Protein backbone atom coordinates (compact mmCIF):
# COMPACT_ATOMS: atom_id res chain seq x y z
CA MET A 1 0.00 0.00 0.00
CA HIS A 2 2.92 2.35 0.63
CA PHE A 3 5.03 2.03 -2.50
CA THR A 4 7.46 4.92 -2.88
CA ASP A 5 10.24 5.63 -5.38
CA VAL A 6 11.35 9.25 -5.27
CA GLY A 7 14.00 8.45 -7.88
CA VAL A 8 11.34 8.23 -10.58
CA GLY A 9 9.16 10.96 -9.13
CA HIS A 10 6.78 8.69 -7.19
CA LEU A 11 6.18 10.35 -3.82
CA GLY A 12 4.34 7.39 -2.32
CA ALA A 13 0.86 5.93 -1.96
CA LYS A 14 -1.18 6.91 1.08
CA SER A 15 -3.69 4.78 2.97
CA ILE A 16 -5.53 7.80 4.41
CA VAL A 17 -8.46 8.86 2.23
CA ALA A 18 -7.71 12.17 0.42
CA ALA A 19 -4.17 12.35 1.82
CA GLY A 20 -2.67 12.62 -1.66
CA PRO A 21 -4.09 15.94 -2.95
CA PRO A 22 -2.55 18.26 -0.33
CA ILE A 23 0.83 16.53 -0.65
CA ALA A 24 0.59 16.89 -4.43
CA VAL A 25 -0.13 20.60 -4.11
CA GLY A 26 2.99 21.01 -1.96
CA ALA A 27 5.10 19.12 -4.49
CA ALA A 28 3.64 21.20 -7.32
CA LEU A 29 4.41 24.42 -5.46
CA ALA A 30 8.00 23.24 -5.03
CA ALA A 31 8.21 22.53 -8.77
CA ARG A 32 6.93 26.02 -9.57
CA LEU A 33 9.31 27.74 -7.14
CA GLU A 34 12.24 25.75 -8.54
CA GLY A 35 11.29 26.81 -12.05
CA SER A 36 11.13 23.23 -13.30
CA LYS A 37 8.75 21.86 -15.93
CA HIS A 38 7.52 19.12 -13.62
CA VAL A 39 3.78 18.44 -13.39
CA VAL A 40 2.37 16.63 -10.36
CA LEU A 41 -0.35 14.01 -10.80
CA THR A 42 -2.31 12.69 -7.82
CA PHE A 43 -4.79 9.80 -7.87
CA PHE A 44 -7.73 9.27 -5.50
CA GLY A 45 -11.22 7.79 -5.41
CA GLU A 46 -14.56 9.55 -5.61
CA GLY A 47 -15.07 9.06 -1.86
CA ALA A 48 -12.09 11.35 -1.26
CA THR A 49 -13.94 14.25 -2.88
CA ASN A 50 -16.22 14.36 0.17
CA GLN A 51 -13.25 15.05 2.45
CA GLY A 52 -12.62 18.64 3.44
CA VAL A 53 -8.90 18.38 2.72
CA PHE A 54 -9.70 17.64 -0.94
CA HIS A 55 -11.38 21.04 -1.28
CA GLU A 56 -8.62 22.75 0.68
CA ALA A 57 -6.10 21.29 -1.76
CA LEU A 58 -8.03 22.48 -4.82
CA ASN A 59 -8.41 25.94 -3.34
CA LEU A 60 -4.68 26.30 -2.62
CA ALA A 61 -3.80 24.84 -6.02
CA THR A 62 -5.66 27.65 -7.77
CA VAL A 63 -4.55 30.36 -5.35
CA TRP A 64 -0.91 29.42 -6.03
CA ASN A 65 -1.59 28.41 -9.67
CA VAL A 66 0.51 25.27 -9.30
CA PRO A 67 1.07 22.59 -11.99
CA CYS A 68 -1.10 19.91 -10.41
CA ILE A 69 -3.49 17.41 -11.98
CA PHE A 70 -6.14 15.91 -9.70
CA PHE A 71 -7.12 12.51 -11.12
CA CYS A 72 -10.23 10.92 -9.61
CA GLU A 73 -10.89 7.24 -10.28
CA ASN A 74 -14.64 7.20 -9.83
CA ASN A 75 -15.35 3.49 -9.35
CA GLN A 76 -18.90 4.20 -8.10
CA TYR A 77 -18.40 2.94 -4.53
CA ALA A 78 -16.68 4.42 -1.47
CA GLU A 79 -16.13 1.15 0.38
CA MET A 80 -19.72 -0.18 0.33
CA THR A 81 -21.56 3.13 -0.21
CA PRO A 82 -22.72 4.17 -3.71
CA PHE A 83 -21.42 7.60 -4.64
CA THR A 84 -24.94 8.63 -5.68
CA LYS A 85 -26.08 8.32 -2.06
CA THR A 86 -23.50 10.74 -0.70
CA THR A 87 -23.09 13.37 -3.41
CA ARG A 88 -25.45 15.15 -5.78
CA VAL A 89 -22.83 16.89 -7.94
CA PRO A 90 -20.63 14.98 -10.42
CA VAL A 91 -16.95 14.81 -9.46
CA ALA A 92 -15.82 16.80 -12.50
CA GLN A 93 -17.98 19.74 -11.37
CA ARG A 94 -16.75 19.80 -7.79
CA GLY A 95 -13.72 21.93 -8.56
CA ALA A 96 -15.73 24.71 -10.22
CA SER A 97 -16.23 26.71 -7.03
CA HIS A 98 -12.44 26.75 -6.59
CA GLY A 99 -11.76 27.72 -10.19
CA VAL A 100 -10.50 24.26 -11.15
CA PRO A 101 -11.90 23.07 -14.51
CA GLY A 102 -13.12 19.48 -14.71
CA VAL A 103 -12.95 16.88 -17.47
CA VAL A 104 -14.82 13.57 -17.69
CA VAL A 105 -13.29 10.55 -19.41
CA ASP A 106 -14.19 6.88 -19.84
CA GLY A 107 -11.89 5.38 -17.23
CA ASN A 108 -12.11 1.94 -18.86
CA ASP A 109 -10.75 3.21 -22.18
CA VAL A 110 -6.95 3.21 -21.90
CA GLU A 111 -6.41 5.37 -24.99
CA ALA A 112 -9.02 7.93 -23.95
CA VAL A 113 -7.46 8.24 -20.50
CA TYR A 114 -4.00 8.66 -22.01
CA LEU A 115 -5.12 11.41 -24.40
CA VAL A 116 -7.05 13.38 -21.77
CA THR A 117 -4.17 13.15 -19.33
CA ALA A 118 -1.62 14.17 -21.97
CA GLU A 119 -3.72 17.24 -22.82
CA ALA A 120 -3.99 18.12 -19.13
CA VAL A 121 -0.21 17.82 -18.68
CA THR A 122 0.45 20.12 -21.63
CA ARG A 123 -2.06 22.69 -20.39
CA THR A 124 -0.75 22.62 -16.83
CA ARG A 125 2.91 22.69 -17.87
CA GLN A 126 2.23 25.83 -19.92
CA GLY A 127 0.90 27.65 -16.86
CA GLY A 128 -2.78 26.84 -17.27
CA GLY A 129 -3.12 25.93 -13.62
CA PRO A 130 -4.59 22.85 -11.94
CA ILE A 131 -7.22 20.62 -13.52
CA LEU A 132 -9.54 17.88 -12.25
CA ILE A 133 -10.04 14.69 -14.28
CA GLU A 134 -12.89 12.30 -13.48
CA ALA A 135 -12.31 8.84 -14.91
CA GLN A 136 -15.57 6.92 -14.71
CA THR A 137 -14.78 3.29 -14.03
CA TYR A 138 -15.87 0.39 -11.81
CA ARG A 139 -14.42 -1.76 -9.03
CA PHE A 140 -14.85 -5.43 -9.95
CA CYS A 141 -13.73 -6.80 -6.59
CA GLY A 142 -14.61 -5.99 -3.02
CA HIS A 143 -13.10 -3.09 -1.11
CA MET A 144 -11.35 -5.49 1.27
CA TYR A 145 -11.09 -9.15 2.20
CA GLY A 146 -14.50 -10.48 3.16
CA ASP A 147 -16.35 -7.92 1.03
CA THR A 148 -18.68 -10.09 -1.06
CA GLY A 149 -20.26 -7.18 -2.89
CA SER A 150 -23.76 -8.04 -1.67
CA TYR A 151 -24.62 -4.33 -1.70
CA ARG A 152 -24.39 -4.15 -5.50
CA PRO A 153 -27.61 -4.27 -7.56
CA ILE A 154 -28.14 -7.62 -9.26
CA GLY A 155 -26.60 -7.65 -12.73
CA GLU A 156 -24.52 -4.49 -12.27
CA LEU A 157 -21.18 -6.30 -12.07
CA GLU A 158 -21.90 -8.31 -15.22
CA ILE A 159 -22.76 -5.16 -17.17
CA TRP A 160 -19.51 -3.47 -16.19
CA ARG A 161 -17.41 -6.58 -16.87
CA LYS A 162 -18.31 -6.20 -20.54
CA ARG A 163 -16.52 -2.86 -20.37
CA ASP A 164 -13.37 -4.19 -18.74
CA PRO A 165 -10.40 -2.08 -19.97
CA LEU A 166 -8.67 -5.20 -21.29
CA VAL A 167 -11.82 -6.25 -23.16
CA ILE A 168 -12.19 -2.80 -24.74
CA ALA A 169 -8.52 -2.64 -25.72
CA ARG A 170 -8.65 -6.14 -27.21
CA GLN A 171 -11.75 -5.39 -29.26
CA ARG A 172 -10.21 -2.17 -30.55
CA LEU A 173 -7.01 -3.93 -31.61
CA LEU A 174 -9.01 -6.57 -33.48
CA SER A 175 -11.16 -3.92 -35.17
CA GLN A 176 -7.96 -2.20 -36.35
CA GLY A 177 -6.71 -5.39 -37.95
CA ALA A 178 -4.31 -6.67 -35.30
CA PRO A 179 -3.70 -10.45 -35.71
CA GLU A 180 -5.52 -12.30 -32.93
CA ILE A 181 -2.61 -14.72 -32.59
CA GLU A 182 -0.33 -11.80 -31.64
CA ILE A 183 -2.81 -10.66 -29.01
CA TYR A 184 -2.90 -14.19 -27.57
CA ALA A 185 0.91 -14.21 -27.50
CA ILE A 186 1.00 -10.92 -25.56
CA GLU A 187 -1.62 -12.16 -23.08
CA ALA A 188 0.30 -15.41 -22.57
CA ALA A 189 3.58 -13.56 -22.01
CA VAL A 190 1.97 -11.32 -19.42
CA GLU A 191 0.50 -14.32 -17.57
CA VAL A 192 3.95 -15.93 -17.44
CA GLU A 193 5.49 -12.70 -16.13
CA ILE A 194 2.87 -12.46 -13.38
CA ASP A 195 3.23 -16.13 -12.43
CA ASP A 196 7.01 -15.73 -12.22
CA ALA A 197 6.65 -12.67 -9.98
CA VAL A 198 4.24 -14.49 -7.66
CA MET A 199 6.53 -17.53 -7.47
CA PHE A 200 9.53 -15.30 -6.71
CA ALA A 201 7.62 -13.61 -3.89
CA ARG A 202 6.45 -16.89 -2.37
CA GLN A 203 9.89 -18.47 -2.54
CA SER A 204 11.70 -15.44 -1.12
CA PRO A 205 12.73 -15.69 2.54
CA GLU A 206 10.90 -13.67 5.19
CA PRO A 207 12.88 -10.60 6.33
CA ALA A 208 14.89 -11.01 9.52
CA PRO A 209 13.24 -9.59 12.68
CA GLU A 210 16.18 -7.22 13.23
CA GLU A 211 15.35 -5.48 9.94
CA VAL A 212 12.10 -4.10 11.35
CA MET A 213 13.68 -0.71 12.11
CA VAL A 214 15.74 -0.41 8.92
CA GLY A 215 14.72 2.63 6.87
CA VAL A 216 12.30 3.92 9.50
CA TYR A 217 14.46 6.85 10.59
CA ALA A 218 16.74 9.02 8.47
């Protein structure tokens, strides 16, 4: 849950809901003050948009005009609660009162997400200020172990599975004339890569108890 690699610009995942946006604004402010061309991108779920700190982050982002992109993965459920039961305004519109423009994109369409994000990066890098992207998608699994998804309407999961990003991408490749045998080869190679990674993890030794404090303090 807490992957971090500052060397490639990844400032770390956060387990606290809506913890990312304010950190992203700080990083974006640093980029602006340093005069770099860096653009900061922060990901969060639609449930985070109901947290006060989300709105504080958007407000500061526009006040300071920082190069920050707020990317919301709207998967329809905040844990077990449908977004429609907690909010009446679409995510993309929630930044309007702070002066942050919003864009809606099909979150299950890889190419569409790429294009919208690329446009946002260009706009922000050129001094256009922060922007909010709402990627409308769906969570196929439960929020946590033991979550059976019994709160979902009957048939909803099946409808969304037909719009799985991999299904959409595969259909598009076939429609553009890509040989199906090449697609199968790619899928098989990926499965092998995943299986190898899982096997490596399971066969790796547990860390020694004395390593528990390594890397905790600078």
